[in-house]
Amino acid sequence: PSRAALLTGRYAPRVNEGKGLYVLFPHSKTGLEDEMEVTITELLKEQGYKTGLYGKWHLGHLPQYLPCVHGFDEFLGIPYPNDHGPERIGNSGWRPNGVSDPAIPLIEQAQVIKRCDNNDLAELPALFTREACKFIYRSVKEDKKPFYLQYANIETHTPWFVPKGFEGQS
């Protein structure tokens, strides 16, 4: 809800023409409606900005809700938090009966490029940081355009995985 509010400038209960937008899960069939909302990224693109999102989207995982539909030129990330997959042992309260936890997809633009296991999830923050830095470099040095970058770290949710280079460190 707060992510939708930040992108649209509307209170979360007013998003989607007053239908609201609530916490979404892998089985959710809704998301941020393009025909109902205007995002800051859409407005910035009209002004010549290049836009990118790296990290967590969490405003709908179906194709009609992904970032590229809402004004992002570039997207590399996951569609929902890292605690909404099979790595979340014992968290079955939010799932409908008979629905299992899917592996968390890593999406580039609108294509699933990988299904992530725990080792992959541990390495994603570093990947997102590298790609966000490349986006800034391309925007400033190559494109010479103003840009809007949204970096949404996935490590705000548990479980926290340790990247290979930091195992056994404190």
C-alpha atoms as a PDB file:
ATOM      1  CA  PRO A   1       0.000   0.000   0.000  1.00  0.00           C
ATOM      2  CA  SER A   2       2.714   2.542   0.846  1.00  0.00           C
ATOM      3  CA  ARG A   3       4.544   1.781  -2.395  1.00  0.00           C
ATOM      4  CA  ALA A   4       1.364   2.484  -4.385  1.00  0.00           C
ATOM      5  CA  ALA A   5       0.848   5.704  -2.445  1.00  0.00           C
ATOM      6  CA  LEU A   6       4.394   6.881  -3.188  1.00  0.00           C
ATOM      7  CA  LEU A   7       4.123   6.173  -6.910  1.00  0.00           C
ATOM      8  CA  THR A   8       0.655   7.671  -7.377  1.00  0.00           C
ATOM      9  CA  GLY A   9       0.580  10.412  -4.748  1.00  0.00           C
ATOM     10  CA  ARG A  10      -2.694   9.000  -3.402  1.00  0.00           C
ATOM     11  CA  TYR A  11      -3.546   7.492  -0.058  1.00  0.00           C
ATOM     12  CA  ALA A  12      -3.438   3.709  -0.384  1.00  0.00           C
ATOM     13  CA  PRO A  13      -7.200   3.225   0.239  1.00  0.00           C
ATOM     14  CA  ARG A  14      -7.889   5.636  -2.668  1.00  0.00           C
ATOM     15  CA  VAL A  15      -5.630   3.849  -5.160  1.00  0.00           C
ATOM     16  CA  ASN A  16      -7.363   2.056  -8.046  1.00  0.00           C
ATOM     17  CA  GLU A  17     -10.267   4.502  -8.132  1.00  0.00           C
ATOM     18  CA  GLY A  18     -11.059   4.001  -4.466  1.00  0.00           C
ATOM     19  CA  LYS A  19     -10.933   0.197  -4.554  1.00  0.00           C
ATOM     20  CA  GLY A  20      -7.655   0.425  -2.652  1.00  0.00           C
ATOM     21  CA  LEU A  21      -4.571  -1.714  -2.925  1.00  0.00           C
ATOM     22  CA  TYR A  22      -3.628  -3.992  -0.090  1.00  0.00           C
ATOM     23  CA  VAL A  23      -0.710  -6.319   0.598  1.00  0.00           C
ATOM     24  CA  LEU A  24      -0.366  -8.623  -2.394  1.00  0.00           C
ATOM     25  CA  PHE A  25       0.738 -12.255  -2.340  1.00  0.00           C
ATOM     26  CA  PRO A  26       1.889 -14.712  -5.042  1.00  0.00           C
ATOM     27  CA  HIS A  27      -1.706 -15.928  -5.469  1.00  0.00           C
ATOM     28  CA  SER A  28      -3.180 -12.394  -5.725  1.00  0.00           C
ATOM     29  CA  LYS A  29      -4.928 -11.551  -8.983  1.00  0.00           C
ATOM     30  CA  THR A  30      -4.894  -7.762  -8.554  1.00  0.00           C
ATOM     31  CA  GLY A  31      -2.345  -4.983  -8.708  1.00  0.00           C
ATOM     32  CA  LEU A  32      -1.850  -1.322  -9.537  1.00  0.00           C
ATOM     33  CA  GLU A  33      -4.321  -0.639 -12.351  1.00  0.00           C
ATOM     34  CA  ASP A  34      -2.731   1.245 -15.251  1.00  0.00           C
ATOM     35  CA  GLU A  35      -5.978   2.663 -16.631  1.00  0.00           C
ATOM     36  CA  MET A  36      -6.989   3.980 -13.195  1.00  0.00           C
ATOM     37  CA  GLU A  37      -3.715   5.484 -11.955  1.00  0.00           C
ATOM     38  CA  VAL A  38      -0.981   7.821 -13.137  1.00  0.00           C
ATOM     39  CA  THR A  39       2.437   7.232 -11.614  1.00  0.00           C
ATOM     40  CA  ILE A  40       5.301   9.630 -11.047  1.00  0.00           C
ATOM     41  CA  THR A  41       7.336   7.607 -13.542  1.00  0.00           C
ATOM     42  CA  GLU A  42       4.757   8.157 -16.277  1.00  0.00           C
ATOM     43  CA  LEU A  43       4.814  11.901 -15.613  1.00  0.00           C
ATOM     44  CA  LEU A  44       8.603  12.014 -15.573  1.00  0.00           C
ATOM     45  CA  LYS A  45       8.846  10.073 -18.854  1.00  0.00           C
ATOM     46  CA  GLU A  46       6.646  12.740 -20.460  1.00  0.00           C
ATOM     47  CA  GLN A  47       9.313  15.255 -19.383  1.00  0.00           C
ATOM     48  CA  GLY A  48      12.132  13.256 -20.987  1.00  0.00           C
ATOM     49  CA  TYR A  49      13.342  11.287 -17.980  1.00  0.00           C
ATOM     50  CA  LYS A  50      14.740   7.791 -18.177  1.00  0.00           C
ATOM     51  CA  THR A  51      13.223   5.589 -15.441  1.00  0.00           C
ATOM     52  CA  GLY A  52      14.419   2.421 -13.750  1.00  0.00           C
ATOM     53  CA  LEU A  53      13.445   0.129 -10.894  1.00  0.00           C
ATOM     54  CA  TYR A  54      15.749  -2.388  -9.257  1.00  0.00           C
ATOM     55  CA  GLY A  55      14.594  -4.605  -6.403  1.00  0.00           C
ATOM     56  CA  LYS A  56      11.104  -5.357  -5.144  1.00  0.00           C
ATOM     57  CA  TRP A  57       8.013  -4.221  -7.068  1.00  0.00           C
ATOM     58  CA  HIS A  58       5.129  -5.648  -4.971  1.00  0.00           C
ATOM     59  CA  LEU A  59       2.311  -3.938  -6.891  1.00  0.00           C
ATOM     60  CA  GLY A  60       1.129  -6.962  -8.856  1.00  0.00           C
ATOM     61  CA  HIS A  61       2.956  -9.898 -10.412  1.00  0.00           C
ATOM     62  CA  LEU A  62       0.731 -10.454 -13.447  1.00  0.00           C
ATOM     63  CA  PRO A  63       1.949  -8.930 -16.746  1.00  0.00           C
ATOM     64  CA  GLN A  64      -0.645  -6.126 -16.756  1.00  0.00           C
ATOM     65  CA  TYR A  65       0.661  -4.838 -13.406  1.00  0.00           C
ATOM     66  CA  LEU A  66       4.443  -4.970 -13.888  1.00  0.00           C
ATOM     67  CA  PRO A  67       6.642  -1.832 -13.735  1.00  0.00           C
ATOM     68  CA  CYS A  68       7.082  -1.474 -17.510  1.00  0.00           C
ATOM     69  CA  VAL A  69       3.319  -0.864 -17.735  1.00  0.00           C
ATOM     70  CA  HIS A  70       3.635   1.975 -15.223  1.00  0.00           C
ATOM     71  CA  GLY A  71       6.338   4.084 -16.841  1.00  0.00           C
ATOM     72  CA  PHE A  72       9.526   2.249 -15.947  1.00  0.00           C
ATOM     73  CA  ASP A  73      11.944   1.898 -18.867  1.00  0.00           C
ATOM     74  CA  GLU A  74      14.009  -0.681 -17.021  1.00  0.00           C
ATOM     75  CA  PHE A  75      13.097  -3.245 -14.384  1.00  0.00           C
ATOM     76  CA  LEU A  76      15.088  -5.985 -12.754  1.00  0.00           C
ATOM     77  CA  GLY A  77      13.565  -7.358  -9.613  1.00  0.00           C
ATOM     78  CA  ILE A  78      11.144  -9.603  -7.834  1.00  0.00           C
ATOM     79  CA  PRO A  79       7.383  -9.050  -7.939  1.00  0.00           C
ATOM     80  CA  TYR A  80       6.764  -9.596  -4.210  1.00  0.00           C
ATOM     81  CA  PRO A  81       8.849  -9.863  -1.029  1.00  0.00           C
ATOM     82  CA  ASN A  82      11.462 -12.518  -0.459  1.00  0.00           C
ATOM     83  CA  ASP A  83       9.291 -13.957   2.338  1.00  0.00           C
ATOM     84  CA  HIS A  84       6.520 -14.994  -0.064  1.00  0.00           C
ATOM     85  CA  GLY A  85       8.127 -18.160  -1.351  1.00  0.00           C
ATOM     86  CA  PRO A  86       9.079 -21.667  -0.250  1.00  0.00           C
ATOM     87  CA  GLU A  87      11.988 -20.388   1.865  1.00  0.00           C
ATOM     88  CA  ARG A  88       9.472 -19.077   4.403  1.00  0.00           C
ATOM     89  CA  ILE A  89       9.032 -22.180   6.527  1.00  0.00           C
ATOM     90  CA  GLY A  90       5.935 -22.262   8.700  1.00  0.00           C
ATOM     91  CA  ASN A  91       4.289 -19.165   7.215  1.00  0.00           C
ATOM     92  CA  SER A  92       1.090 -20.671   5.892  1.00  0.00           C
ATOM     93  CA  GLY A  93      -1.458 -18.242   7.333  1.00  0.00           C
ATOM     94  CA  TRP A  94      -1.781 -16.054   4.229  1.00  0.00           C
ATOM     95  CA  ARG A  95      -2.113 -18.832   1.626  1.00  0.00           C
ATOM     96  CA  PRO A  96      -5.483 -20.041   0.387  1.00  0.00           C
ATOM     97  CA  ASN A  97      -6.125 -23.751   0.933  1.00  0.00           C
ATOM     98  CA  GLY A  98      -4.332 -25.948  -1.552  1.00  0.00           C
ATOM     99  CA  VAL A  99      -1.984 -23.209  -2.817  1.00  0.00           C
ATOM    100  CA  SER A 100       1.709 -23.890  -2.341  1.00  0.00           C
ATOM    101  CA  ASP A 101       4.494 -21.341  -2.191  1.00  0.00           C
ATOM    102  CA  PRO A 102       6.001 -20.712  -5.627  1.00  0.00           C
ATOM    103  CA  ALA A 103       9.703 -20.081  -6.119  1.00  0.00           C
ATOM    104  CA  ILE A 104      10.225 -16.333  -6.288  1.00  0.00           C
ATOM    105  CA  PRO A 105      10.686 -15.179  -9.886  1.00  0.00           C
ATOM    106  CA  LEU A 106      13.455 -12.817 -10.917  1.00  0.00           C
ATOM    107  CA  ILE A 107      11.998 -10.620 -13.641  1.00  0.00           C
ATOM    108  CA  GLU A 108      13.741  -8.453 -16.212  1.00  0.00           C
ATOM    109  CA  GLN A 109      11.345  -6.067 -17.950  1.00  0.00           C
ATOM    110  CA  ALA A 110       8.347  -8.447 -18.164  1.00  0.00           C
ATOM    111  CA  GLN A 111      10.192 -11.771 -18.573  1.00  0.00           C
ATOM    112  CA  VAL A 112      10.883 -14.267 -15.812  1.00  0.00           C
ATOM    113  CA  ILE A 113      14.596 -14.972 -16.191  1.00  0.00           C
ATOM    114  CA  LYS A 114      15.001 -17.226 -13.173  1.00  0.00           C
ATOM    115  CA  ARG A 115      13.143 -18.934 -10.320  1.00  0.00           C
ATOM    116  CA  CYS A 116      15.108 -18.117  -7.167  1.00  0.00           C
ATOM    117  CA  ASP A 117      16.180 -20.484  -4.441  1.00  0.00           C
ATOM    118  CA  ASN A 118      17.689 -19.351  -1.129  1.00  0.00           C
ATOM    119  CA  ASN A 119      21.203 -19.045  -2.616  1.00  0.00           C
ATOM    120  CA  ASP A 120      19.864 -16.828  -5.399  1.00  0.00           C
ATOM    121  CA  LEU A 121      17.945 -14.645  -2.924  1.00  0.00           C
ATOM    122  CA  ALA A 122      21.151 -14.091  -0.935  1.00  0.00           C
ATOM    123  CA  GLU A 123      22.888 -12.677  -4.006  1.00  0.00           C
ATOM    124  CA  LEU A 124      20.048 -10.486  -5.327  1.00  0.00           C
ATOM    125  CA  PRO A 125      20.758  -7.333  -3.272  1.00  0.00           C
ATOM    126  CA  ALA A 126      24.286  -7.143  -4.705  1.00  0.00           C
ATOM    127  CA  LEU A 127      22.942  -7.765  -8.230  1.00  0.00           C
ATOM    128  CA  PHE A 128      20.327  -5.027  -7.856  1.00  0.00           C
ATOM    129  CA  THR A 129      22.944  -2.597  -6.524  1.00  0.00           C
ATOM    130  CA  ARG A 130      25.323  -3.282  -9.435  1.00  0.00           C
ATOM    131  CA  GLU A 131      22.548  -2.910 -11.999  1.00  0.00           C
ATOM    132  CA  ALA A 132      21.252   0.304 -10.383  1.00  0.00           C
ATOM    133  CA  CYS A 133      24.780   1.753 -10.543  1.00  0.00           C
ATOM    134  CA  LYS A 134      25.008   0.786 -14.227  1.00  0.00           C
ATOM    135  CA  PHE A 135      21.654   2.498 -14.827  1.00  0.00           C
ATOM    136  CA  ILE A 136      22.989   5.703 -13.255  1.00  0.00           C
ATOM    137  CA  TYR A 137      26.186   5.514 -15.284  1.00  0.00           C
ATOM    138  CA  ARG A 138      24.312   4.951 -18.574  1.00  0.00           C
ATOM    139  CA  SER A 139      21.890   7.769 -17.777  1.00  0.00           C
ATOM    140  CA  VAL A 140      24.604  10.299 -16.952  1.00  0.00           C
ATOM    141  CA  LYS A 141      27.483   9.339 -19.257  1.00  0.00           C
ATOM    142  CA  GLU A 142      25.819   7.768 -22.286  1.00  0.00           C
ATOM    143  CA  ASP A 143      22.223   8.981 -22.528  1.00  0.00           C
ATOM    144  CA  LYS A 144      22.907  12.340 -20.866  1.00  0.00           C
ATOM    145  CA  LYS A 145      19.278  12.421 -19.744  1.00  0.00           C
ATOM    146  CA  PRO A 146      17.672  13.208 -16.430  1.00  0.00           C
ATOM    147  CA  PHE A 147      16.685  10.027 -14.670  1.00  0.00           C
ATOM    148  CA  TYR A 148      14.528   8.586 -11.929  1.00  0.00           C
ATOM    149  CA  LEU A 149      15.834   5.500 -10.180  1.00  0.00           C
ATOM    150  CA  GLN A 150      13.837   3.528  -7.654  1.00  0.00           C
ATOM    151  CA  TYR A 151      15.893   1.065  -5.642  1.00  0.00           C
ATOM    152  CA  ALA A 152      13.704  -1.139  -3.448  1.00  0.00           C
ATOM    153  CA  ASN A 153      15.863  -3.328  -1.254  1.00  0.00           C
ATOM    154  CA  ILE A 154      14.457  -6.811  -0.670  1.00  0.00           C
ATOM    155  CA  GLU A 155      16.243  -7.209   2.657  1.00  0.00           C
ATOM    156  CA  THR A 156      13.596  -5.311   4.581  1.00  0.00           C
ATOM    157  CA  HIS A 157      11.837  -8.659   5.006  1.00  0.00           C
ATOM    158  CA  THR A 158      13.006 -11.814   6.700  1.00  0.00           C
ATOM    159  CA  PRO A 159      14.426 -14.310   6.103  1.00  0.00           C
ATOM    160  CA  TRP A 160      17.803 -12.683   5.585  1.00  0.00           C
ATOM    161  CA  PHE A 161      20.220 -14.789   3.602  1.00  0.00           C
ATOM    162  CA  VAL A 162      23.986 -14.429   3.782  1.00  0.00           C
ATOM    163  CA  PRO A 163      25.788 -13.848   0.473  1.00  0.00           C
ATOM    164  CA  LYS A 164      28.642 -16.268  -0.223  1.00  0.00           C
ATOM    165  CA  GLY A 165      31.415 -13.738   0.402  1.00  0.00           C
ATOM    166  CA  PHE A 166      30.078 -12.968   3.871  1.00  0.00           C
ATOM    167  CA  GLU A 167      29.406 -16.465   5.242  1.00  0.00           C
ATOM    168  CA  GLY A 168      30.962 -16.996   8.667  1.00  0.00           C
ATOM    169  CA  GLN A 169      31.478 -13.239   9.168  1.00  0.00           C
ATOM    170  CA  SER A 170      29.859 -11.159  11.863  1.00  0.00           C
END
